[in-house]
Amino acid sequence: MKEFISFIAKHLVDSPDSVNIEETQPNDKTVELTLKVNADDVGKVIGKQGKTAQAMRTLLTAIAAKDGKRAILKILD
């Protein structure tokens, strides 16, 4: 899951080297991903009216459901 979100984020931003993802597991059924990008690229990751971020969350939810888990994506600005 972490690699998938990293792949998407690196292709959206101008400086892919600044993409950083931290993965934590609050419990055995939940995975929490925190995405950090350069301050200039936050808008590109979020998208107009948050549609890009919502699409990333939807895809992440589908991938996590295959493993029987729940995924949460946080985008830090």
N, C-alpha and C. Protein backbone atom coordinates (compact mmCIF):
# COMPACT_ATOMS: atom_id res chain seq x y z
N MET A 1 0.82 -1.19 0.00
CA MET A 1 0.00 0.00 0.00
C MET A 1 0.86 1.25 0.00
N LYS A 2 1.91 1.22 0.81
CA LYS A 2 2.81 2.36 0.91
C LYS A 2 3.46 2.65 -0.44
N GLU A 3 3.89 1.61 -1.12
CA GLU A 3 4.55 1.78 -2.41
C GLU A 3 3.58 2.32 -3.46
N PHE A 4 2.34 1.89 -3.39
CA PHE A 4 1.33 2.34 -4.35
C PHE A 4 1.06 3.84 -4.21
N ILE A 5 0.85 4.29 -2.99
CA ILE A 5 0.61 5.72 -2.76
C ILE A 5 1.85 6.53 -3.11
N SER A 6 3.03 6.00 -2.81
CA SER A 6 4.27 6.68 -3.17
C SER A 6 4.38 6.84 -4.68
N PHE A 7 4.04 5.80 -5.43
CA PHE A 7 4.09 5.85 -6.89
C PHE A 7 3.17 6.94 -7.43
N ILE A 8 1.95 6.99 -6.93
CA ILE A 8 0.99 7.99 -7.39
C ILE A 8 1.47 9.40 -7.04
N ALA A 9 1.89 9.59 -5.80
CA ALA A 9 2.29 10.93 -5.34
C ALA A 9 3.51 11.43 -6.11
N LYS A 10 4.48 10.55 -6.36
CA LYS A 10 5.69 10.98 -7.07
C LYS A 10 5.40 11.40 -8.51
N HIS A 11 4.36 10.84 -9.10
CA HIS A 11 4.00 11.22 -10.46
C HIS A 11 3.12 12.47 -10.51
N LEU A 12 2.60 12.90 -9.38
CA LEU A 12 1.76 14.10 -9.35
C LEU A 12 2.56 15.37 -9.07
N VAL A 13 3.65 15.27 -8.32
CA VAL A 13 4.37 16.44 -7.83
C VAL A 13 5.52 16.84 -8.75
N ASP A 14 6.01 18.07 -8.54
CA ASP A 14 7.16 18.56 -9.31
C ASP A 14 8.48 18.06 -8.74
N SER A 15 8.54 17.85 -7.43
CA SER A 15 9.78 17.37 -6.79
C SER A 15 9.51 16.02 -6.13
N PRO A 16 9.64 14.94 -6.90
CA PRO A 16 9.32 13.61 -6.36
C PRO A 16 10.26 13.15 -5.24
N ASP A 17 11.43 13.76 -5.13
CA ASP A 17 12.36 13.38 -4.07
C ASP A 17 11.87 13.79 -2.69
N SER A 18 10.96 14.75 -2.64
CA SER A 18 10.46 15.24 -1.35
C SER A 18 9.28 14.43 -0.82
N VAL A 19 8.81 13.44 -1.57
CA VAL A 19 7.68 12.62 -1.14
C VAL A 19 8.14 11.67 -0.04
N ASN A 20 7.44 11.72 1.09
CA ASN A 20 7.77 10.87 2.23
C ASN A 20 6.47 10.29 2.78
N ILE A 21 6.46 8.97 2.99
CA ILE A 21 5.27 8.31 3.51
C ILE A 21 5.65 7.50 4.74
N GLU A 22 4.90 7.73 5.81
CA GLU A 22 5.09 6.97 7.05
C GLU A 22 3.88 6.07 7.23
N GLU A 23 4.14 4.82 7.56
CA GLU A 23 3.07 3.84 7.75
C GLU A 23 3.04 3.40 9.20
N THR A 24 1.87 3.50 9.82
CA THR A 24 1.69 3.05 11.19
C THR A 24 0.47 2.14 11.25
N GLN A 25 0.44 1.28 12.26
CA GLN A 25 -0.70 0.40 12.46
C GLN A 25 -1.22 0.59 13.88
N PRO A 26 -2.28 1.41 14.04
CA PRO A 26 -2.86 1.62 15.36
C PRO A 26 -3.39 0.31 15.97
N ASN A 27 -3.91 -0.57 15.13
CA ASN A 27 -4.32 -1.90 15.58
C ASN A 27 -4.12 -2.88 14.43
N ASP A 28 -4.46 -4.13 14.62
CA ASP A 28 -4.16 -5.14 13.61
C ASP A 28 -5.03 -5.05 12.36
N LYS A 29 -6.14 -4.33 12.40
CA LYS A 29 -7.03 -4.22 11.24
C LYS A 29 -6.94 -2.86 10.54
N THR A 30 -6.12 -1.95 11.03
CA THR A 30 -6.06 -0.59 10.49
C THR A 30 -4.63 -0.24 10.11
N VAL A 31 -4.50 0.37 8.93
CA VAL A 31 -3.21 0.88 8.47
C VAL A 31 -3.39 2.38 8.24
N GLU A 32 -2.48 3.17 8.79
CA GLU A 32 -2.55 4.62 8.65
C GLU A 32 -1.31 5.10 7.90
N LEU A 33 -1.54 5.75 6.76
CA LEU A 33 -0.45 6.28 5.95
C LEU A 33 -0.47 7.80 6.05
N THR A 34 0.70 8.38 6.32
CA THR A 34 0.83 9.83 6.39
C THR A 34 1.73 10.27 5.25
N LEU A 35 1.20 11.08 4.36
CA LEU A 35 1.92 11.55 3.17
C LEU A 35 2.42 12.97 3.40
N LYS A 36 3.73 13.14 3.22
CA LYS A 36 4.35 14.46 3.32
C LYS A 36 4.99 14.79 1.99
N VAL A 37 4.67 15.97 1.46
CA VAL A 37 5.28 16.44 0.21
C VAL A 37 5.78 17.86 0.43
N ASN A 38 6.51 18.37 -0.55
CA ASN A 38 6.99 19.74 -0.52
C ASN A 38 5.79 20.70 -0.42
N ALA A 39 5.98 21.81 0.26
CA ALA A 39 4.88 22.75 0.47
C ALA A 39 4.27 23.26 -0.84
N ASP A 40 5.10 23.37 -1.88
CA ASP A 40 4.60 23.84 -3.17
C ASP A 40 3.75 22.79 -3.89
N ASP A 41 3.90 21.52 -3.50
CA ASP A 41 3.21 20.44 -4.19
C ASP A 41 1.96 19.94 -3.49
N VAL A 42 1.63 20.50 -2.34
CA VAL A 42 0.48 20.02 -1.58
C VAL A 42 -0.82 20.17 -2.38
N GLY A 43 -0.95 21.27 -3.08
CA GLY A 43 -2.15 21.51 -3.88
C GLY A 43 -2.31 20.50 -5.00
N LYS A 44 -1.21 20.04 -5.55
CA LYS A 44 -1.27 19.06 -6.64
C LYS A 44 -1.72 17.71 -6.12
N VAL A 45 -1.32 17.37 -4.91
CA VAL A 45 -1.70 16.09 -4.32
C VAL A 45 -3.16 16.12 -3.89
N ILE A 46 -3.61 17.25 -3.38
CA ILE A 46 -5.00 17.36 -2.93
C ILE A 46 -5.94 17.52 -4.12
N GLY A 47 -5.57 18.33 -5.11
CA GLY A 47 -6.39 18.51 -6.30
C GLY A 47 -7.53 19.49 -6.08
N LYS A 48 -8.23 19.80 -7.15
CA LYS A 48 -9.35 20.73 -7.07
C LYS A 48 -10.47 20.11 -6.25
N GLN A 49 -10.89 20.85 -5.24
CA GLN A 49 -11.95 20.43 -4.32
C GLN A 49 -11.64 19.08 -3.66
N GLY A 50 -10.36 18.73 -3.59
CA GLY A 50 -9.95 17.50 -2.91
C GLY A 50 -10.22 16.23 -3.70
N LYS A 51 -10.47 16.37 -4.99
CA LYS A 51 -10.84 15.19 -5.78
C LYS A 51 -9.68 14.22 -5.98
N THR A 52 -8.46 14.74 -6.13
CA THR A 52 -7.31 13.85 -6.30
C THR A 52 -7.05 13.07 -5.02
N ALA A 53 -7.10 13.76 -3.89
CA ALA A 53 -6.89 13.10 -2.60
C ALA A 53 -7.99 12.06 -2.35
N GLN A 54 -9.21 12.38 -2.70
CA GLN A 54 -10.32 11.45 -2.51
C GLN A 54 -10.15 10.22 -3.39
N ALA A 55 -9.67 10.41 -4.61
CA ALA A 55 -9.43 9.28 -5.51
C ALA A 55 -8.33 8.37 -4.95
N MET A 56 -7.28 8.98 -4.40
CA MET A 56 -6.20 8.19 -3.80
C MET A 56 -6.73 7.40 -2.61
N ARG A 57 -7.58 8.01 -1.81
CA ARG A 57 -8.16 7.32 -0.65
C ARG A 57 -9.07 6.17 -1.09
N THR A 58 -9.82 6.37 -2.17
CA THR A 58 -10.69 5.32 -2.68
C THR A 58 -9.89 4.12 -3.15
N LEU A 59 -8.82 4.37 -3.89
CA LEU A 59 -7.97 3.28 -4.36
C LEU A 59 -7.29 2.57 -3.19
N LEU A 60 -6.85 3.33 -2.21
CA LEU A 60 -6.21 2.75 -1.04
C LEU A 60 -7.19 1.88 -0.25
N THR A 61 -8.42 2.32 -0.15
CA THR A 61 -9.46 1.54 0.54
C THR A 61 -9.70 0.21 -0.16
N ALA A 62 -9.70 0.24 -1.50
CA ALA A 62 -9.91 -0.99 -2.26
C ALA A 62 -8.76 -1.97 -2.07
N ILE A 63 -7.54 -1.47 -2.05
CA ILE A 63 -6.38 -2.33 -1.85
C ILE A 63 -6.38 -2.92 -0.44
N ALA A 64 -6.71 -2.10 0.55
CA ALA A 64 -6.73 -2.57 1.93
C ALA A 64 -7.83 -3.59 2.15
N ALA A 65 -8.95 -3.41 1.48
CA ALA A 65 -10.08 -4.35 1.65
C ALA A 65 -9.71 -5.75 1.18
N LYS A 66 -8.83 -5.84 0.19
CA LYS A 66 -8.39 -7.16 -0.28
C LYS A 66 -7.65 -7.91 0.83
N ASP A 67 -6.98 -7.16 1.71
CA ASP A 67 -6.25 -7.76 2.83
C ASP A 67 -7.11 -7.85 4.08
N GLY A 68 -8.35 -7.40 3.99
CA GLY A 68 -9.23 -7.41 5.15
C GLY A 68 -8.89 -6.34 6.17
N LYS A 69 -8.33 -5.21 5.69
CA LYS A 69 -7.94 -4.12 6.57
C LYS A 69 -8.65 -2.85 6.20
N ARG A 70 -8.48 -1.85 7.04
CA ARG A 70 -9.01 -0.51 6.81
C ARG A 70 -7.82 0.43 6.68
N ALA A 71 -7.83 1.28 5.67
CA ALA A 71 -6.71 2.18 5.43
C ALA A 71 -7.14 3.63 5.58
N ILE A 72 -6.26 4.42 6.16
CA ILE A 72 -6.49 5.84 6.36
C ILE A 72 -5.32 6.59 5.73
N LEU A 73 -5.59 7.58 4.88
CA LEU A 73 -4.55 8.39 4.27
C LEU A 73 -4.66 9.81 4.80
N LYS A 74 -3.57 10.27 5.40
CA LYS A 74 -3.49 11.65 5.88
C LYS A 74 -2.47 12.38 5.04
N ILE A 75 -2.83 13.58 4.59
CA ILE A 75 -1.93 14.40 3.80
C ILE A 75 -1.57 15.61 4.64
N LEU A 76 -0.29 15.74 4.97
CA LEU A 76 0.17 16.84 5.80
C LEU A 76 0.54 18.03 4.92
N ASP A 77 0.16 19.23 5.38
CA ASP A 77 0.53 20.43 4.63
C ASP A 77 1.50 21.27 5.40
